[in-house]
Amino acid sequence: MRASFSSHEQYNVAFAEISAAEINGNGGAHAPVFLLPVRLDFYIHPEDPRVGLRFTTLQGRIDIAHQPFAVAPSVSINIHLRSDFKTLSDQLHYLQFPLDPARIAFLERARNGGDLKLSVHLTLTVEKYYALHDPPIPHNVAWGFVNRLDVGLHQEITIPRSAWTSRVLPQVGHGTVHLIELPAIPLSAVESYKEAHQALRQAQEHHKQGLYDEAAGACRVALERFFDYPEVTGPDNLTRKVPTLKKSWETRLGKATYAWLNASLGAIKQAANPPHHHPGPHFDQLEAQILIAVTVAVVAYAAKHELPANS
């Protein structure tokens, strides 16, 4: 998307192009920054050949929902234009917006598993000069300073979910985890767990795409085969179907382990329920990661007890 900076003297002095697909992150978890690429084309269009322009700095600010979110330090430009050198194109500069865990979490909530919409405000500082010589202007002419002005540009941009989750989040250390390897369960020996396995694979895929609510919902699907839904009448005299671990597990595991697994699976199922029943954001990246990890561990434990004794 390309937009122009305009001066108060009513002529364009520069154009900016922001490629949302080229954004990036840097700094890891210790010094995270969001890198916004800004491609600048500079022009000078005064009728008077004695006018010269010097572009000195570029600044940027990001707003979310009409509220200031982050300010990037000034980037030095230092470009001179005059009558015999009127344009300079395709100058790439990166604005570095500082992040921290709270800001990253805020962006994830605002994104809610989709694209990220930002308001970008750019400010270009320009100095105007006047040649102290009549035309034609010699190259070594002395220039007199006239004034300094800030010209602005406001642009709404949309960062694709794919770019945000693949180019920014991994580079700022968001959701970094330590892996603990578990013995693999041979699914070929446990045919009844194929649906749970497919649901967990889907949960991982949703997580890679930044669809954290959907990842949690897939964890819920992975647990369906463990439950019966007997009708239970509560203290309010209302009868409801309550998910309960199938009674056959008590024979396999014993009463105490059955009670533990029932409570564990019920807690996971309850945690994964909101996306299925309520609109709006519920899970961030780390929460979805934890839910997937716990679900995988408990399903693996249960699957182990389905294996033949000699496995």
C-alpha atoms as a PDB file:
ATOM      1  CA  MET A   1       0.000   0.000   0.000  1.00  0.00           C
ATOM      2  CA  ARG A   2       1.454   3.325  -1.127  1.00  0.00           C
ATOM      3  CA  ALA A   3       0.659   6.747   0.333  1.00  0.00           C
ATOM      4  CA  SER A   4       2.139  10.225   0.108  1.00  0.00           C
ATOM      5  CA  PHE A   5       3.634  12.675   2.554  1.00  0.00           C
ATOM      6  CA  SER A   6       2.472  16.214   1.821  1.00  0.00           C
ATOM      7  CA  SER A   7       3.917  19.499   3.037  1.00  0.00           C
ATOM      8  CA  HIS A   8       1.975  22.562   4.106  1.00  0.00           C
ATOM      9  CA  GLU A   9       3.266  24.215   0.915  1.00  0.00           C
ATOM     10  CA  GLN A  10       0.949  21.938  -1.096  1.00  0.00           C
ATOM     11  CA  TYR A  11       3.366  19.719  -2.979  1.00  0.00           C
ATOM     12  CA  ASN A  12       4.304  16.111  -2.416  1.00  0.00           C
ATOM     13  CA  VAL A  13       7.767  15.513  -1.029  1.00  0.00           C
ATOM     14  CA  ALA A  14       7.804  11.734  -0.573  1.00  0.00           C
ATOM     15  CA  PHE A  15       5.857   8.512  -0.962  1.00  0.00           C
ATOM     16  CA  ALA A  16       5.922   5.563   1.426  1.00  0.00           C
ATOM     17  CA  GLU A  17       5.090   1.943   0.742  1.00  0.00           C
ATOM     18  CA  ILE A  18       4.549  -0.506   3.607  1.00  0.00           C
ATOM     19  CA  SER A  19       4.578  -4.181   2.721  1.00  0.00           C
ATOM     20  CA  ALA A  20       2.723  -5.963   5.512  1.00  0.00           C
ATOM     21  CA  ALA A  21       3.936  -9.331   4.220  1.00  0.00           C
ATOM     22  CA  GLU A  22       7.585  -8.244   4.775  1.00  0.00           C
ATOM     23  CA  ILE A  23       7.242  -7.374   8.454  1.00  0.00           C
ATOM     24  CA  ASN A  24       9.489  -9.204  10.864  1.00  0.00           C
ATOM     25  CA  GLY A  25      10.422  -9.649  14.487  1.00  0.00           C
ATOM     26  CA  ASN A  26      13.799  -9.571  16.210  1.00  0.00           C
ATOM     27  CA  GLY A  27      15.473  -9.612  19.591  1.00  0.00           C
ATOM     28  CA  GLY A  28      14.105 -12.865  20.964  1.00  0.00           C
ATOM     29  CA  ALA A  29      12.362 -13.007  24.325  1.00  0.00           C
ATOM     30  CA  HIS A  30      14.907 -10.721  26.017  1.00  0.00           C
ATOM     31  CA  ALA A  31      14.712  -7.660  23.739  1.00  0.00           C
ATOM     32  CA  PRO A  32      11.731  -8.179  21.395  1.00  0.00           C
ATOM     33  CA  VAL A  33      11.083  -5.645  18.633  1.00  0.00           C
ATOM     34  CA  PHE A  34       8.614  -5.476  15.775  1.00  0.00           C
ATOM     35  CA  LEU A  35      10.288  -4.458  12.491  1.00  0.00           C
ATOM     36  CA  LEU A  36       8.135  -2.484  10.072  1.00  0.00           C
ATOM     37  CA  PRO A  37       9.649  -2.049   6.575  1.00  0.00           C
ATOM     38  CA  VAL A  38       9.037   1.365   4.999  1.00  0.00           C
ATOM     39  CA  ARG A  39      10.087   1.934   1.382  1.00  0.00           C
ATOM     40  CA  LEU A  40      10.504   5.642   0.586  1.00  0.00           C
ATOM     41  CA  ASP A  41      10.553   7.555  -2.705  1.00  0.00           C
ATOM     42  CA  PHE A  42      11.685  11.193  -2.452  1.00  0.00           C
ATOM     43  CA  TYR A  43      10.740  14.046  -4.779  1.00  0.00           C
ATOM     44  CA  ILE A  44      11.224  17.771  -5.143  1.00  0.00           C
ATOM     45  CA  HIS A  45       8.759  19.766  -7.276  1.00  0.00           C
ATOM     46  CA  PRO A  46       9.281  23.477  -6.609  1.00  0.00           C
ATOM     47  CA  GLU A  47       9.075  25.855  -9.525  1.00  0.00           C
ATOM     48  CA  ASP A  48      12.041  27.818  -8.183  1.00  0.00           C
ATOM     49  CA  PRO A  49      15.297  25.968  -9.085  1.00  0.00           C
ATOM     50  CA  ARG A  50      17.005  27.620  -6.114  1.00  0.00           C
ATOM     51  CA  VAL A  51      14.989  25.524  -3.629  1.00  0.00           C
ATOM     52  CA  GLY A  52      16.590  22.439  -2.067  1.00  0.00           C
ATOM     53  CA  LEU A  53      15.274  19.882   0.423  1.00  0.00           C
ATOM     54  CA  ARG A  54      17.074  17.781   3.002  1.00  0.00           C
ATOM     55  CA  PHE A  55      15.252  14.802   4.510  1.00  0.00           C
ATOM     56  CA  THR A  56      16.668  14.154   7.963  1.00  0.00           C
ATOM     57  CA  THR A  57      14.692  11.606  10.007  1.00  0.00           C
ATOM     58  CA  LEU A  58      11.776   9.176   9.864  1.00  0.00           C
ATOM     59  CA  GLN A  59       9.664   8.437  12.929  1.00  0.00           C
ATOM     60  CA  GLY A  60       6.757   6.074  13.460  1.00  0.00           C
ATOM     61  CA  ARG A  61       3.916   5.312  15.842  1.00  0.00           C
ATOM     62  CA  ILE A  62       1.493   2.402  15.933  1.00  0.00           C
ATOM     63  CA  ASP A  63      -2.069   2.741  17.208  1.00  0.00           C
ATOM     64  CA  ILE A  64      -4.448  -0.072  18.106  1.00  0.00           C
ATOM     65  CA  ALA A  65      -8.177   0.736  18.231  1.00  0.00           C
ATOM     66  CA  HIS A  66      -7.396   4.497  18.094  1.00  0.00           C
ATOM     67  CA  GLN A  67      -5.052   4.274  21.100  1.00  0.00           C
ATOM     68  CA  PRO A  68      -1.246   4.775  20.961  1.00  0.00           C
ATOM     69  CA  PHE A  69       0.497   1.416  21.262  1.00  0.00           C
ATOM     70  CA  ALA A  70       4.228   1.818  20.483  1.00  0.00           C
ATOM     71  CA  VAL A  71       6.660   4.453  19.215  1.00  0.00           C
ATOM     72  CA  ALA A  72       9.750   3.638  17.161  1.00  0.00           C
ATOM     73  CA  PRO A  73      13.032   5.532  17.641  1.00  0.00           C
ATOM     74  CA  SER A  74      13.929   7.976  14.873  1.00  0.00           C
ATOM     75  CA  VAL A  75      15.715   6.593  11.833  1.00  0.00           C
ATOM     76  CA  SER A  76      18.348   8.813  10.206  1.00  0.00           C
ATOM     77  CA  ILE A  77      17.660   9.556   6.512  1.00  0.00           C
ATOM     78  CA  ASN A  78      20.030  12.385   5.464  1.00  0.00           C
ATOM     79  CA  ILE A  79      19.047  12.728   1.805  1.00  0.00           C
ATOM     80  CA  HIS A  80      19.484  15.955  -0.214  1.00  0.00           C
ATOM     81  CA  LEU A  81      17.466  16.910  -3.309  1.00  0.00           C
ATOM     82  CA  ARG A  82      17.874  19.918  -5.579  1.00  0.00           C
ATOM     83  CA  SER A  83      17.033  21.016  -9.112  1.00  0.00           C
ATOM     84  CA  ASP A  84      19.685  18.785 -10.718  1.00  0.00           C
ATOM     85  CA  PHE A  85      18.890  15.773  -8.499  1.00  0.00           C
ATOM     86  CA  LYS A  86      15.122  15.772  -8.048  1.00  0.00           C
ATOM     87  CA  THR A  87      14.246  12.169  -7.137  1.00  0.00           C
ATOM     88  CA  LEU A  88      15.571   9.226  -5.180  1.00  0.00           C
ATOM     89  CA  SER A  89      13.529   6.021  -5.104  1.00  0.00           C
ATOM     90  CA  ASP A  90      13.280   2.675  -3.346  1.00  0.00           C
ATOM     91  CA  GLN A  91      15.014   3.596  -0.089  1.00  0.00           C
ATOM     92  CA  LEU A  92      14.224   0.869   2.476  1.00  0.00           C
ATOM     93  CA  HIS A  93      14.203   1.682   6.174  1.00  0.00           C
ATOM     94  CA  TYR A  94      13.055  -0.415   9.124  1.00  0.00           C
ATOM     95  CA  LEU A  95      11.211   1.128  12.048  1.00  0.00           C
ATOM     96  CA  GLN A  96      11.797  -0.820  15.259  1.00  0.00           C
ATOM     97  CA  PHE A  97       8.848  -0.842  17.648  1.00  0.00           C
ATOM     98  CA  PRO A  98       9.746  -2.157  21.125  1.00  0.00           C
ATOM     99  CA  LEU A  99       7.642  -4.995  22.520  1.00  0.00           C
ATOM    100  CA  ASP A 100       7.335  -6.797  25.837  1.00  0.00           C
ATOM    101  CA  PRO A 101       5.280  -9.805  27.007  1.00  0.00           C
ATOM    102  CA  ALA A 102       2.307  -7.632  27.975  1.00  0.00           C
ATOM    103  CA  ARG A 103       2.228  -5.875  24.596  1.00  0.00           C
ATOM    104  CA  ILE A 104       2.590  -9.136  22.683  1.00  0.00           C
ATOM    105  CA  ALA A 105      -0.273 -10.661  24.681  1.00  0.00           C
ATOM    106  CA  PHE A 106      -2.370  -7.551  23.937  1.00  0.00           C
ATOM    107  CA  LEU A 107      -1.705  -7.907  20.195  1.00  0.00           C
ATOM    108  CA  GLU A 108      -2.646 -11.573  20.340  1.00  0.00           C
ATOM    109  CA  ARG A 109      -5.947 -10.713  22.006  1.00  0.00           C
ATOM    110  CA  ALA A 110      -6.612  -7.984  19.449  1.00  0.00           C
ATOM    111  CA  ARG A 111      -5.783 -10.365  16.600  1.00  0.00           C
ATOM    112  CA  ASN A 112      -7.957 -13.128  18.067  1.00  0.00           C
ATOM    113  CA  GLY A 113      -6.529 -15.803  15.783  1.00  0.00           C
ATOM    114  CA  GLY A 114      -6.891 -13.743  12.612  1.00  0.00           C
ATOM    115  CA  ASP A 115      -5.084 -10.948  10.791  1.00  0.00           C
ATOM    116  CA  LEU A 116      -3.668  -8.037  12.777  1.00  0.00           C
ATOM    117  CA  LYS A 117      -4.965  -4.540  11.968  1.00  0.00           C
ATOM    118  CA  LEU A 118      -2.769  -1.555  12.816  1.00  0.00           C
ATOM    119  CA  SER A 119      -2.847   2.196  12.322  1.00  0.00           C
ATOM    120  CA  VAL A 120       0.598   3.426  11.291  1.00  0.00           C
ATOM    121  CA  HIS A 121       1.554   7.106  11.692  1.00  0.00           C
ATOM    122  CA  LEU A 122       4.776   8.151   9.940  1.00  0.00           C
ATOM    123  CA  THR A 123       6.519  11.488  10.367  1.00  0.00           C
ATOM    124  CA  LEU A 124       9.241  12.681   8.006  1.00  0.00           C
ATOM    125  CA  THR A 125      11.332  15.677   9.023  1.00  0.00           C
ATOM    126  CA  VAL A 126      12.299  17.899   6.087  1.00  0.00           C
ATOM    127  CA  GLU A 127      14.538  20.983   5.962  1.00  0.00           C
ATOM    128  CA  LYS A 128      14.092  23.566   3.228  1.00  0.00           C
ATOM    129  CA  TYR A 129      17.083  25.474   1.849  1.00  0.00           C
ATOM    130  CA  TYR A 130      17.534  28.301  -0.650  1.00  0.00           C
ATOM    131  CA  ALA A 131      20.551  28.623  -2.959  1.00  0.00           C
ATOM    132  CA  LEU A 132      22.478  31.847  -2.435  1.00  0.00           C
ATOM    133  CA  HIS A 133      23.111  32.199  -6.152  1.00  0.00           C
ATOM    134  CA  ASP A 134      21.090  33.018  -9.249  1.00  0.00           C
ATOM    135  CA  PRO A 135      20.412  30.192 -11.753  1.00  0.00           C
ATOM    136  CA  PRO A 136      22.106  28.227 -13.119  1.00  0.00           C
ATOM    137  CA  ILE A 137      23.055  26.865  -9.685  1.00  0.00           C
ATOM    138  CA  PRO A 138      26.685  25.722  -9.391  1.00  0.00           C
ATOM    139  CA  HIS A 139      27.359  22.466  -7.582  1.00  0.00           C
ATOM    140  CA  ASN A 140      29.369  24.103  -4.768  1.00  0.00           C
ATOM    141  CA  VAL A 141      26.841  26.859  -4.052  1.00  0.00           C
ATOM    142  CA  ALA A 142      26.185  27.994  -0.480  1.00  0.00           C
ATOM    143  CA  TRP A 143      22.683  27.240   0.811  1.00  0.00           C
ATOM    144  CA  GLY A 144      20.702  29.264   3.294  1.00  0.00           C
ATOM    145  CA  PHE A 145      18.442  27.474   5.780  1.00  0.00           C
ATOM    146  CA  VAL A 146      14.768  28.483   5.385  1.00  0.00           C
ATOM    147  CA  ASN A 147      12.710  26.288   7.725  1.00  0.00           C
ATOM    148  CA  ARG A 148      12.173  22.812   9.112  1.00  0.00           C
ATOM    149  CA  LEU A 149       8.865  20.990   8.956  1.00  0.00           C
ATOM    150  CA  ASP A 150       7.374  17.614   9.825  1.00  0.00           C
ATOM    151  CA  VAL A 151       5.207  16.004   7.167  1.00  0.00           C
ATOM    152  CA  GLY A 152       2.930  13.180   8.151  1.00  0.00           C
ATOM    153  CA  LEU A 153       1.258  10.123   6.759  1.00  0.00           C
ATOM    154  CA  HIS A 154      -1.438   7.928   8.300  1.00  0.00           C
ATOM    155  CA  GLN A 155      -2.112   4.476   6.920  1.00  0.00           C
ATOM    156  CA  GLU A 156      -4.260   1.526   8.024  1.00  0.00           C
ATOM    157  CA  ILE A 157      -2.490  -1.777   7.402  1.00  0.00           C
ATOM    158  CA  THR A 158      -3.482  -5.405   7.822  1.00  0.00           C
ATOM    159  CA  ILE A 159      -0.771  -7.928   8.650  1.00  0.00           C
ATOM    160  CA  PRO A 160      -1.738 -11.404   7.418  1.00  0.00           C
ATOM    161  CA  ARG A 161      -2.037 -14.034  10.115  1.00  0.00           C
ATOM    162  CA  SER A 162       0.491 -16.199   8.260  1.00  0.00           C
ATOM    163  CA  ALA A 163       3.133 -13.435   8.290  1.00  0.00           C
ATOM    164  CA  TRP A 164       2.509 -12.617  11.948  1.00  0.00           C
ATOM    165  CA  THR A 165       2.733 -16.217  13.178  1.00  0.00           C
ATOM    166  CA  SER A 166       5.697 -17.238  10.982  1.00  0.00           C
ATOM    167  CA  ARG A 167       7.816 -14.050  10.811  1.00  0.00           C
ATOM    168  CA  VAL A 168       7.159 -12.162  14.042  1.00  0.00           C
ATOM    169  CA  LEU A 169       6.076 -14.398  16.938  1.00  0.00           C
ATOM    170  CA  PRO A 170       8.935 -16.944  16.628  1.00  0.00           C
ATOM    171  CA  GLN A 171      11.506 -14.115  16.411  1.00  0.00           C
ATOM    172  CA  VAL A 172      10.308 -12.416  19.614  1.00  0.00           C
ATOM    173  CA  GLY A 173      10.295 -15.627  21.646  1.00  0.00           C
ATOM    174  CA  HIS A 174       6.560 -15.683  22.156  1.00  0.00           C
ATOM    175  CA  GLY A 175       5.308 -19.069  23.347  1.00  0.00           C
ATOM    176  CA  THR A 176       8.804 -20.563  23.624  1.00  0.00           C
ATOM    177  CA  VAL A 177       8.608 -23.839  25.526  1.00  0.00           C
ATOM    178  CA  HIS A 178      10.959 -26.523  26.804  1.00  0.00           C
ATOM    179  CA  LEU A 179      10.166 -29.928  25.320  1.00  0.00           C
ATOM    180  CA  ILE A 180      10.113 -33.125  27.338  1.00  0.00           C
ATOM    181  CA  GLU A 181      10.074 -36.271  25.221  1.00  0.00           C
ATOM    182  CA  LEU A 182       7.565 -39.007  26.044  1.00  0.00           C
ATOM    183  CA  PRO A 183       7.672 -42.623  24.838  1.00  0.00           C
ATOM    184  CA  ALA A 184       5.636 -42.932  21.657  1.00  0.00           C
ATOM    185  CA  ILE A 185       2.475 -45.040  21.731  1.00  0.00           C
ATOM    186  CA  PRO A 186       2.112 -47.217  18.597  1.00  0.00           C
ATOM    187  CA  LEU A 187      -1.254 -46.063  17.289  1.00  0.00           C
ATOM    188  CA  SER A 188      -1.437 -49.054  14.988  1.00  0.00           C
ATOM    189  CA  ALA A 189      -1.924 -51.154  18.119  1.00  0.00           C
ATOM    190  CA  VAL A 190      -4.703 -48.901  19.406  1.00  0.00           C
ATOM    191  CA  GLU A 191      -7.190 -48.501  16.559  1.00  0.00           C
ATOM    192  CA  SER A 192      -9.791 -46.832  18.776  1.00  0.00           C
ATOM    193  CA  TYR A 193      -7.492 -43.815  19.326  1.00  0.00           C
ATOM    194  CA  LYS A 194      -7.250 -42.757  15.695  1.00  0.00           C
ATOM    195  CA  GLU A 195      -9.902 -40.026  16.095  1.00  0.00           C
ATOM    196  CA  ALA A 196      -8.168 -38.635  19.178  1.00  0.00           C
ATOM    197  CA  HIS A 197      -4.850 -38.656  17.314  1.00  0.00           C
ATOM    198  CA  GLN A 198      -6.347 -36.850  14.306  1.00  0.00           C
ATOM    199  CA  ALA A 199      -7.957 -34.245  16.576  1.00  0.00           C
ATOM    200  CA  LEU A 200      -4.640 -33.569  18.318  1.00  0.00           C
ATOM    201  CA  ARG A 201      -2.864 -33.241  14.964  1.00  0.00           C
ATOM    202  CA  GLN A 202      -5.545 -30.732  14.001  1.00  0.00           C
ATOM    203  CA  ALA A 203      -4.977 -28.890  17.287  1.00  0.00           C
ATOM    204  CA  GLN A 204      -1.279 -28.569  16.466  1.00  0.00           C
ATOM    205  CA  GLU A 205      -2.052 -27.283  12.977  1.00  0.00           C
ATOM    206  CA  HIS A 206      -4.497 -24.700  14.347  1.00  0.00           C
ATOM    207  CA  HIS A 207      -1.839 -23.604  16.820  1.00  0.00           C
ATOM    208  CA  LYS A 208       0.755 -23.098  14.059  1.00  0.00           C
ATOM    209  CA  GLN A 209      -1.729 -20.880  12.232  1.00  0.00           C
ATOM    210  CA  GLY A 210      -2.415 -18.807  15.347  1.00  0.00           C
ATOM    211  CA  LEU A 211      -5.977 -20.140  15.758  1.00  0.00           C
ATOM    212  CA  TYR A 212      -5.718 -20.687  19.503  1.00  0.00           C
ATOM    213  CA  ASP A 213      -9.424 -21.057  20.279  1.00  0.00           C
ATOM    214  CA  GLU A 214      -9.751 -23.635  17.517  1.00  0.00           C
ATOM    215  CA  ALA A 215      -6.723 -25.493  18.907  1.00  0.00           C
ATOM    216  CA  ALA A 216      -8.425 -25.697  22.303  1.00  0.00           C
ATOM    217  CA  GLY A 217     -11.634 -26.879  20.671  1.00  0.00           C
ATOM    218  CA  ALA A 218      -9.766 -29.700  18.902  1.00  0.00           C
ATOM    219  CA  CYS A 219      -8.420 -30.834  22.288  1.00  0.00           C
ATOM    220  CA  ARG A 220     -12.009 -31.146  23.458  1.00  0.00           C
ATOM    221  CA  VAL A 221     -12.839 -33.290  20.415  1.00  0.00           C
ATOM    222  CA  ALA A 222      -9.859 -35.547  21.195  1.00  0.00           C
ATOM    223  CA  LEU A 223     -11.427 -36.450  24.543  1.00  0.00           C
ATOM    224  CA  GLU A 224     -14.916 -37.355  23.333  1.00  0.00           C
ATOM    225  CA  ARG A 225     -14.349 -41.117  23.174  1.00  0.00           C
ATOM    226  CA  PHE A 226     -13.513 -41.289  26.892  1.00  0.00           C
ATOM    227  CA  PHE A 227     -16.880 -40.091  28.160  1.00  0.00           C
ATOM    228  CA  ASP A 228     -20.406 -41.259  28.731  1.00  0.00           C
ATOM    229  CA  TYR A 229     -23.116 -38.673  29.405  1.00  0.00           C
ATOM    230  CA  PRO A 230     -25.400 -39.949  32.186  1.00  0.00           C
ATOM    231  CA  GLU A 231     -28.255 -37.716  33.307  1.00  0.00           C
ATOM    232  CA  VAL A 232     -27.650 -36.173  36.716  1.00  0.00           C
ATOM    233  CA  THR A 233     -30.136 -34.115  38.734  1.00  0.00           C
ATOM    234  CA  GLY A 234     -28.457 -31.228  40.509  1.00  0.00           C
ATOM    235  CA  PRO A 235     -29.333 -29.269  43.670  1.00  0.00           C
ATOM    236  CA  ASP A 236     -31.484 -26.961  41.522  1.00  0.00           C
ATOM    237  CA  ASN A 237     -33.618 -29.994  40.543  1.00  0.00           C
ATOM    238  CA  LEU A 238     -32.570 -29.622  36.916  1.00  0.00           C
ATOM    239  CA  THR A 239     -31.437 -32.732  35.093  1.00  0.00           C
ATOM    240  CA  ARG A 240     -28.369 -32.415  32.884  1.00  0.00           C
ATOM    241  CA  LYS A 241     -26.116 -34.745  30.939  1.00  0.00           C
ATOM    242  CA  VAL A 242     -22.760 -34.704  32.731  1.00  0.00           C
ATOM    243  CA  PRO A 243     -19.587 -35.998  30.987  1.00  0.00           C
ATOM    244  CA  THR A 244     -18.203 -38.872  33.056  1.00  0.00           C
ATOM    245  CA  LEU A 245     -15.299 -41.174  32.324  1.00  0.00           C
ATOM    246  CA  LYS A 246     -16.628 -44.496  31.030  1.00  0.00           C
ATOM    247  CA  LYS A 247     -17.140 -46.960  33.861  1.00  0.00           C
ATOM    248  CA  SER A 248     -15.111 -49.657  32.102  1.00  0.00           C
ATOM    249  CA  TRP A 249     -11.962 -47.714  33.006  1.00  0.00           C
ATOM    250  CA  GLU A 250     -12.496 -48.457  36.701  1.00  0.00           C
ATOM    251  CA  THR A 251     -11.937 -52.161  36.047  1.00  0.00           C
ATOM    252  CA  ARG A 252      -8.720 -51.519  34.114  1.00  0.00           C
ATOM    253  CA  LEU A 253      -7.191 -48.910  36.414  1.00  0.00           C
ATOM    254  CA  GLY A 254      -8.655 -49.468  39.861  1.00  0.00           C
ATOM    255  CA  LYS A 255     -10.895 -47.097  41.738  1.00  0.00           C
ATOM    256  CA  ALA A 256      -8.263 -44.555  42.822  1.00  0.00           C
ATOM    257  CA  THR A 257      -6.665 -44.182  39.363  1.00  0.00           C
ATOM    258  CA  TYR A 258     -10.109 -44.071  37.773  1.00  0.00           C
ATOM    259  CA  ALA A 259     -11.059 -41.141  40.008  1.00  0.00           C
ATOM    260  CA  TRP A 260      -7.817 -39.333  39.106  1.00  0.00           C
ATOM    261  CA  LEU A 261      -8.225 -39.856  35.345  1.00  0.00           C
ATOM    262  CA  ASN A 262     -11.895 -38.834  35.503  1.00  0.00           C
ATOM    263  CA  ALA A 263     -10.958 -35.597  37.272  1.00  0.00           C
ATOM    264  CA  SER A 264      -8.039 -34.935  34.885  1.00  0.00           C
ATOM    265  CA  LEU A 265     -10.028 -35.485  31.712  1.00  0.00           C
ATOM    266  CA  GLY A 266     -12.968 -33.513  33.085  1.00  0.00           C
ATOM    267  CA  ALA A 267     -10.708 -30.565  33.898  1.00  0.00           C
ATOM    268  CA  ILE A 268      -9.234 -30.559  30.391  1.00  0.00           C
ATOM    269  CA  LYS A 269     -12.656 -30.862  28.784  1.00  0.00           C
ATOM    270  CA  GLN A 270     -13.996 -28.016  30.915  1.00  0.00           C
ATOM    271  CA  ALA A 271     -11.012 -25.803  30.019  1.00  0.00           C
ATOM    272  CA  ALA A 272     -11.520 -26.476  26.300  1.00  0.00           C
ATOM    273  CA  ASN A 273     -15.260 -25.830  26.350  1.00  0.00           C
ATOM    274  CA  PRO A 274     -15.498 -21.976  26.019  1.00  0.00           C
ATOM    275  CA  PRO A 275     -14.692 -21.746  22.273  1.00  0.00           C
ATOM    276  CA  HIS A 276     -17.602 -24.088  21.578  1.00  0.00           C
ATOM    277  CA  HIS A 277     -20.130 -22.059  23.528  1.00  0.00           C
ATOM    278  CA  HIS A 278     -19.134 -18.397  23.704  1.00  0.00           C
ATOM    279  CA  PRO A 279     -17.869 -15.894  21.093  1.00  0.00           C
ATOM    280  CA  GLY A 280     -14.800 -13.748  21.622  1.00  0.00           C
ATOM    281  CA  PRO A 281     -11.141 -14.387  22.510  1.00  0.00           C
ATOM    282  CA  HIS A 282     -10.406 -16.975  25.200  1.00  0.00           C
ATOM    283  CA  PHE A 283      -6.968 -18.471  24.653  1.00  0.00           C
ATOM    284  CA  ASP A 284      -3.582 -16.973  23.924  1.00  0.00           C
ATOM    285  CA  GLN A 285      -0.657 -18.863  22.405  1.00  0.00           C
ATOM    286  CA  LEU A 286       0.830 -20.139  25.655  1.00  0.00           C
ATOM    287  CA  GLU A 287      -2.527 -21.243  27.070  1.00  0.00           C
ATOM    288  CA  ALA A 288      -3.287 -23.235  23.923  1.00  0.00           C
ATOM    289  CA  GLN A 289       0.186 -24.806  24.041  1.00  0.00           C
ATOM    290  CA  ILE A 290      -0.308 -25.918  27.625  1.00  0.00           C
ATOM    291  CA  LEU A 291      -3.751 -27.337  26.874  1.00  0.00           C
ATOM    292  CA  ILE A 292      -2.403 -29.331  23.911  1.00  0.00           C
ATOM    293  CA  ALA A 293       0.533 -30.656  25.958  1.00  0.00           C
ATOM    294  CA  VAL A 294      -1.684 -31.771  28.851  1.00  0.00           C
ATOM    295  CA  THR A 295      -4.218 -33.368  26.508  1.00  0.00           C
ATOM    296  CA  VAL A 296      -1.499 -35.277  24.649  1.00  0.00           C
ATOM    297  CA  ALA A 297       0.006 -36.533  27.929  1.00  0.00           C
ATOM    298  CA  VAL A 298      -3.313 -37.727  29.364  1.00  0.00           C
ATOM    299  CA  VAL A 299      -4.437 -39.357  26.092  1.00  0.00           C
ATOM    300  CA  ALA A 300      -1.045 -41.103  25.819  1.00  0.00           C
ATOM    301  CA  TYR A 301      -1.431 -42.385  29.377  1.00  0.00           C
ATOM    302  CA  ALA A 302      -4.897 -43.691  28.629  1.00  0.00           C
ATOM    303  CA  ALA A 303      -3.802 -45.249  25.336  1.00  0.00           C
ATOM    304  CA  LYS A 304      -1.010 -47.109  27.107  1.00  0.00           C
ATOM    305  CA  HIS A 305      -3.638 -49.003  29.116  1.00  0.00           C
ATOM    306  CA  GLU A 306      -5.417 -50.045  25.911  1.00  0.00           C
ATOM    307  CA  LEU A 307      -2.342 -51.905  24.641  1.00  0.00           C
ATOM    308  CA  PRO A 308      -2.194 -55.705  24.854  1.00  0.00           C
ATOM    309  CA  ALA A 309      -0.288 -56.985  27.886  1.00  0.00           C
ATOM    310  CA  ASN A 310       2.702 -58.155  25.784  1.00  0.00           C
ATOM    311  CA  SER A 311       3.141 -54.799  23.981  1.00  0.00           C
END
